[in-house]
Amino acid sequence: MNQVANAGLVTTYTPVALTAGTSLTAIPRVNGDGTITMFIPFVISRFLGESVGPNGETIPNQTITAVFALRRVASGSTIVVGGVTNRNESTSSNGIPILKDLPIVGKLFQNHLQSRANNEALVFFTPTLLPEAVGIGGEVTGGATSTLP
């Protein structure tokens, strides 16, 4: 807020950009017995509707869903991370002005729409330990070739 001489307080606003997105990271750790432990943080953020401030300004509502999984798996086996569900419901109504407000027959001039959507996110990981490449001369075993200096 700024104060202007003989004018009272003047409020100024500075817009701030908001972002919403999906973040998926997998942090593996190889255990001594050859298994792999995976730490998987999975975060989804999105905008859902708006809120109206006291001066009529609109601000988007942001929802954040997070899942943190810790799984131990044998090399080459698949991990499924799921359970992140989003359910969207919306309703709207419209009609012919004046006629929709008439008693008894007004419902004939109105339209109501209700929609529902359910989404579920599933992510599949297959961590695999690769054999160490052994260099012999100018070749590297394990399917790749290179020239060593």
C-alpha atoms as a PDB file:
ATOM      1  CA  MET A   1       0.000   0.000   0.000  1.00  0.00           C
ATOM      2  CA  ASN A   2       1.101   3.527  -0.726  1.00  0.00           C
ATOM      3  CA  GLN A   3      -0.015   6.646   1.060  1.00  0.00           C
ATOM      4  CA  VAL A   4      -0.657   9.703  -1.064  1.00  0.00           C
ATOM      5  CA  ALA A   5      -0.715  13.121   0.652  1.00  0.00           C
ATOM      6  CA  ASN A   6      -4.291  14.181   1.544  1.00  0.00           C
ATOM      7  CA  ALA A   7      -5.750  11.240  -0.402  1.00  0.00           C
ATOM      8  CA  GLY A   8      -5.633   8.348   2.075  1.00  0.00           C
ATOM      9  CA  LEU A   9      -4.278   4.910   1.198  1.00  0.00           C
ATOM     10  CA  VAL A  10      -3.950   3.650  -2.348  1.00  0.00           C
ATOM     11  CA  THR A  11      -3.589  -0.073  -2.882  1.00  0.00           C
ATOM     12  CA  THR A  12      -1.485  -1.284  -5.783  1.00  0.00           C
ATOM     13  CA  TYR A  13      -1.401  -4.847  -7.088  1.00  0.00           C
ATOM     14  CA  THR A  14       1.454  -6.696  -8.719  1.00  0.00           C
ATOM     15  CA  PRO A  15       0.374  -9.709 -10.811  1.00  0.00           C
ATOM     16  CA  VAL A  16       2.323 -12.912 -10.198  1.00  0.00           C
ATOM     17  CA  ALA A  17       2.441 -15.711 -12.751  1.00  0.00           C
ATOM     18  CA  LEU A  18       1.229 -19.080 -11.456  1.00  0.00           C
ATOM     19  CA  THR A  19       2.262 -22.401 -12.905  1.00  0.00           C
ATOM     20  CA  ALA A  20       0.660 -25.799 -12.693  1.00  0.00           C
ATOM     21  CA  GLY A  21       2.193 -29.001 -13.946  1.00  0.00           C
ATOM     22  CA  THR A  22       3.302 -32.525 -13.237  1.00  0.00           C
ATOM     23  CA  SER A  23       6.558 -33.483 -11.581  1.00  0.00           C
ATOM     24  CA  LEU A  24       7.836 -37.048 -11.654  1.00  0.00           C
ATOM     25  CA  THR A  25      11.229 -38.104 -10.363  1.00  0.00           C
ATOM     26  CA  ALA A  26      12.737 -41.533  -9.717  1.00  0.00           C
ATOM     27  CA  ILE A  27      15.717 -41.896  -7.415  1.00  0.00           C
ATOM     28  CA  PRO A  28      17.219 -45.420  -7.581  1.00  0.00           C
ATOM     29  CA  ARG A  29      19.588 -47.107  -5.143  1.00  0.00           C
ATOM     30  CA  VAL A  30      21.271 -50.436  -5.865  1.00  0.00           C
ATOM     31  CA  ASN A  31      21.303 -52.723  -2.825  1.00  0.00           C
ATOM     32  CA  GLY A  32      24.028 -55.245  -1.967  1.00  0.00           C
ATOM     33  CA  ASP A  33      21.805 -58.198  -2.948  1.00  0.00           C
ATOM     34  CA  GLY A  34      21.256 -56.855  -6.504  1.00  0.00           C
ATOM     35  CA  THR A  35      17.782 -55.453  -5.876  1.00  0.00           C
ATOM     36  CA  ILE A  36      16.900 -51.839  -6.566  1.00  0.00           C
ATOM     37  CA  THR A  37      15.164 -49.506  -4.136  1.00  0.00           C
ATOM     38  CA  MET A  38      13.267 -46.693  -5.866  1.00  0.00           C
ATOM     39  CA  PHE A  39      12.086 -43.486  -4.197  1.00  0.00           C
ATOM     40  CA  ILE A  40       9.428 -41.956  -6.462  1.00  0.00           C
ATOM     41  CA  PRO A  41       7.873 -38.558  -5.629  1.00  0.00           C
ATOM     42  CA  PHE A  42       4.938 -37.818  -7.977  1.00  0.00           C
ATOM     43  CA  VAL A  43       3.239 -34.384  -7.821  1.00  0.00           C
ATOM     44  CA  ILE A  44       0.379 -33.082  -9.969  1.00  0.00           C
ATOM     45  CA  SER A  45      -0.851 -29.494  -9.685  1.00  0.00           C
ATOM     46  CA  ARG A  46      -3.687 -27.934 -11.636  1.00  0.00           C
ATOM     47  CA  PHE A  47      -6.048 -24.983 -11.572  1.00  0.00           C
ATOM     48  CA  LEU A  48      -9.626 -25.629 -10.531  1.00  0.00           C
ATOM     49  CA  GLY A  49     -12.084 -22.753 -10.648  1.00  0.00           C
ATOM     50  CA  GLU A  50     -11.607 -19.242  -9.344  1.00  0.00           C
ATOM     51  CA  SER A  51     -12.136 -17.296  -6.150  1.00  0.00           C
ATOM     52  CA  VAL A  52     -13.381 -13.717  -6.183  1.00  0.00           C
ATOM     53  CA  GLY A  53     -11.760 -11.175  -3.894  1.00  0.00           C
ATOM     54  CA  PRO A  54     -13.520  -8.365  -2.024  1.00  0.00           C
ATOM     55  CA  ASN A  55     -12.757  -5.871  -4.807  1.00  0.00           C
ATOM     56  CA  GLY A  56     -13.982  -8.179  -7.585  1.00  0.00           C
ATOM     57  CA  GLU A  57     -10.557  -9.512  -8.626  1.00  0.00           C
ATOM     58  CA  THR A  58     -10.434 -13.197  -9.566  1.00  0.00           C
ATOM     59  CA  ILE A  59      -7.749 -15.571  -8.352  1.00  0.00           C
ATOM     60  CA  PRO A  60      -7.381 -19.130  -9.695  1.00  0.00           C
ATOM     61  CA  ASN A  61      -7.637 -21.965  -7.179  1.00  0.00           C
ATOM     62  CA  GLN A  62      -4.733 -24.397  -7.379  1.00  0.00           C
ATOM     63  CA  THR A  63      -4.980 -27.991  -6.183  1.00  0.00           C
ATOM     64  CA  ILE A  64      -1.920 -30.143  -5.572  1.00  0.00           C
ATOM     65  CA  THR A  65      -1.940 -33.942  -5.352  1.00  0.00           C
ATOM     66  CA  ALA A  66       1.203 -35.761  -4.221  1.00  0.00           C
ATOM     67  CA  VAL A  67       2.184 -39.420  -3.900  1.00  0.00           C
ATOM     68  CA  PHE A  68       5.491 -40.590  -2.463  1.00  0.00           C
ATOM     69  CA  ALA A  69       6.382 -44.235  -3.131  1.00  0.00           C
ATOM     70  CA  LEU A  70       9.310 -46.272  -1.822  1.00  0.00           C
ATOM     71  CA  ARG A  71       9.607 -49.655  -3.560  1.00  0.00           C
ATOM     72  CA  ARG A  72      12.203 -52.432  -3.588  1.00  0.00           C
ATOM     73  CA  VAL A  73      12.255 -54.570  -6.713  1.00  0.00           C
ATOM     74  CA  ALA A  74      14.456 -57.102  -8.491  1.00  0.00           C
ATOM     75  CA  SER A  75      16.317 -55.883 -11.571  1.00  0.00           C
ATOM     76  CA  GLY A  76      14.042 -56.103 -14.632  1.00  0.00           C
ATOM     77  CA  SER A  77      10.789 -56.217 -12.630  1.00  0.00           C
ATOM     78  CA  THR A  78       8.115 -53.568 -13.067  1.00  0.00           C
ATOM     79  CA  ILE A  79       6.843 -51.121 -10.444  1.00  0.00           C
ATOM     80  CA  VAL A  80       3.425 -49.489 -10.855  1.00  0.00           C
ATOM     81  CA  VAL A  81       2.835 -46.190  -9.109  1.00  0.00           C
ATOM     82  CA  GLY A  82      -0.817 -45.246  -9.098  1.00  0.00           C
ATOM     83  CA  GLY A  83      -3.569 -43.945  -6.942  1.00  0.00           C
ATOM     84  CA  VAL A  84      -3.445 -40.366  -8.176  1.00  0.00           C
ATOM     85  CA  THR A  85      -7.041 -39.742  -9.173  1.00  0.00           C
ATOM     86  CA  ASN A  86      -8.728 -36.547 -10.249  1.00  0.00           C
ATOM     87  CA  ARG A  87     -12.452 -36.086 -10.256  1.00  0.00           C
ATOM     88  CA  ASN A  88     -13.974 -33.047 -11.913  1.00  0.00           C
ATOM     89  CA  GLU A  89     -17.607 -32.105 -11.547  1.00  0.00           C
ATOM     90  CA  SER A  90     -19.234 -29.028 -13.006  1.00  0.00           C
ATOM     91  CA  THR A  91     -22.748 -27.746 -13.357  1.00  0.00           C
ATOM     92  CA  SER A  92     -24.093 -24.882 -15.370  1.00  0.00           C
ATOM     93  CA  SER A  93     -27.503 -23.562 -16.246  1.00  0.00           C
ATOM     94  CA  ASN A  94     -28.775 -21.072 -18.740  1.00  0.00           C
ATOM     95  CA  GLY A  95     -32.036 -20.141 -20.380  1.00  0.00           C
ATOM     96  CA  ILE A  96     -34.014 -17.565 -22.229  1.00  0.00           C
ATOM     97  CA  PRO A  97     -34.038 -14.288 -20.290  1.00  0.00           C
ATOM     98  CA  ILE A  98     -37.342 -13.337 -18.664  1.00  0.00           C
ATOM     99  CA  LEU A  99     -39.059 -16.570 -19.826  1.00  0.00           C
ATOM    100  CA  LYS A 100     -36.876 -18.771 -17.589  1.00  0.00           C
ATOM    101  CA  ASP A 101     -38.040 -16.767 -14.549  1.00  0.00           C
ATOM    102  CA  LEU A 102     -41.763 -17.308 -15.137  1.00  0.00           C
ATOM    103  CA  PRO A 103     -43.556 -19.391 -12.516  1.00  0.00           C
ATOM    104  CA  ILE A 104     -44.735 -22.885 -13.539  1.00  0.00           C
ATOM    105  CA  VAL A 105     -43.613 -22.737 -17.219  1.00  0.00           C
ATOM    106  CA  GLY A 106     -40.164 -21.205 -16.579  1.00  0.00           C
ATOM    107  CA  LYS A 107     -38.505 -24.641 -16.421  1.00  0.00           C
ATOM    108  CA  LEU A 108     -39.419 -25.188 -20.075  1.00  0.00           C
ATOM    109  CA  PHE A 109     -37.084 -22.337 -21.008  1.00  0.00           C
ATOM    110  CA  GLN A 110     -34.101 -23.459 -18.892  1.00  0.00           C
ATOM    111  CA  ASN A 111     -31.191 -25.748 -19.631  1.00  0.00           C
ATOM    112  CA  HIS A 112     -29.068 -27.481 -16.949  1.00  0.00           C
ATOM    113  CA  LEU A 113     -25.786 -29.194 -17.786  1.00  0.00           C
ATOM    114  CA  GLN A 114     -23.877 -31.417 -15.377  1.00  0.00           C
ATOM    115  CA  SER A 115     -20.589 -33.058 -16.334  1.00  0.00           C
ATOM    116  CA  ARG A 116     -18.308 -35.466 -14.494  1.00  0.00           C
ATOM    117  CA  ALA A 117     -14.851 -36.696 -15.414  1.00  0.00           C
ATOM    118  CA  ASN A 118     -12.666 -39.197 -13.578  1.00  0.00           C
ATOM    119  CA  ASN A 119      -8.958 -39.577 -14.379  1.00  0.00           C
ATOM    120  CA  GLU A 120      -6.388 -41.884 -12.854  1.00  0.00           C
ATOM    121  CA  ALA A 121      -2.654 -41.654 -13.383  1.00  0.00           C
ATOM    122  CA  LEU A 122      -0.570 -44.834 -13.494  1.00  0.00           C
ATOM    123  CA  VAL A 123       3.183 -44.755 -14.028  1.00  0.00           C
ATOM    124  CA  PHE A 124       5.229 -47.878 -14.811  1.00  0.00           C
ATOM    125  CA  PHE A 125       8.939 -48.221 -13.972  1.00  0.00           C
ATOM    126  CA  THR A 126      11.182 -51.132 -14.957  1.00  0.00           C
ATOM    127  CA  PRO A 127      14.578 -50.525 -13.338  1.00  0.00           C
ATOM    128  CA  THR A 128      17.270 -52.732 -14.841  1.00  0.00           C
ATOM    129  CA  LEU A 129      20.889 -53.164 -13.829  1.00  0.00           C
ATOM    130  CA  LEU A 130      23.157 -53.110 -16.865  1.00  0.00           C
ATOM    131  CA  PRO A 131      26.264 -55.261 -16.885  1.00  0.00           C
ATOM    132  CA  GLU A 132      29.476 -53.312 -16.578  1.00  0.00           C
ATOM    133  CA  ALA A 133      31.245 -52.852 -19.876  1.00  0.00           C
ATOM    134  CA  VAL A 134      34.783 -54.247 -19.952  1.00  0.00           C
ATOM    135  CA  GLY A 135      37.235 -52.616 -22.346  1.00  0.00           C
ATOM    136  CA  ILE A 136      39.599 -54.901 -24.297  1.00  0.00           C
ATOM    137  CA  GLY A 137      41.883 -53.166 -26.781  1.00  0.00           C
ATOM    138  CA  GLY A 138      39.729 -50.844 -28.887  1.00  0.00           C
ATOM    139  CA  GLU A 139      36.395 -52.570 -28.132  1.00  0.00           C
ATOM    140  CA  VAL A 140      33.968 -52.490 -25.252  1.00  0.00           C
ATOM    141  CA  THR A 141      31.975 -55.658 -24.643  1.00  0.00           C
ATOM    142  CA  GLY A 142      28.281 -55.516 -23.964  1.00  0.00           C
ATOM    143  CA  GLY A 143      27.053 -54.524 -27.411  1.00  0.00           C
ATOM    144  CA  ALA A 144      28.751 -51.129 -27.827  1.00  0.00           C
ATOM    145  CA  THR A 145      32.012 -50.354 -29.560  1.00  0.00           C
ATOM    146  CA  SER A 146      34.323 -47.435 -29.152  1.00  0.00           C
ATOM    147  CA  THR A 147      37.887 -46.455 -29.808  1.00  0.00           C
ATOM    148  CA  LEU A 148      39.895 -45.958 -26.644  1.00  0.00           C
ATOM    149  CA  PRO A 149      42.666 -43.309 -26.816  1.00  0.00           C
END
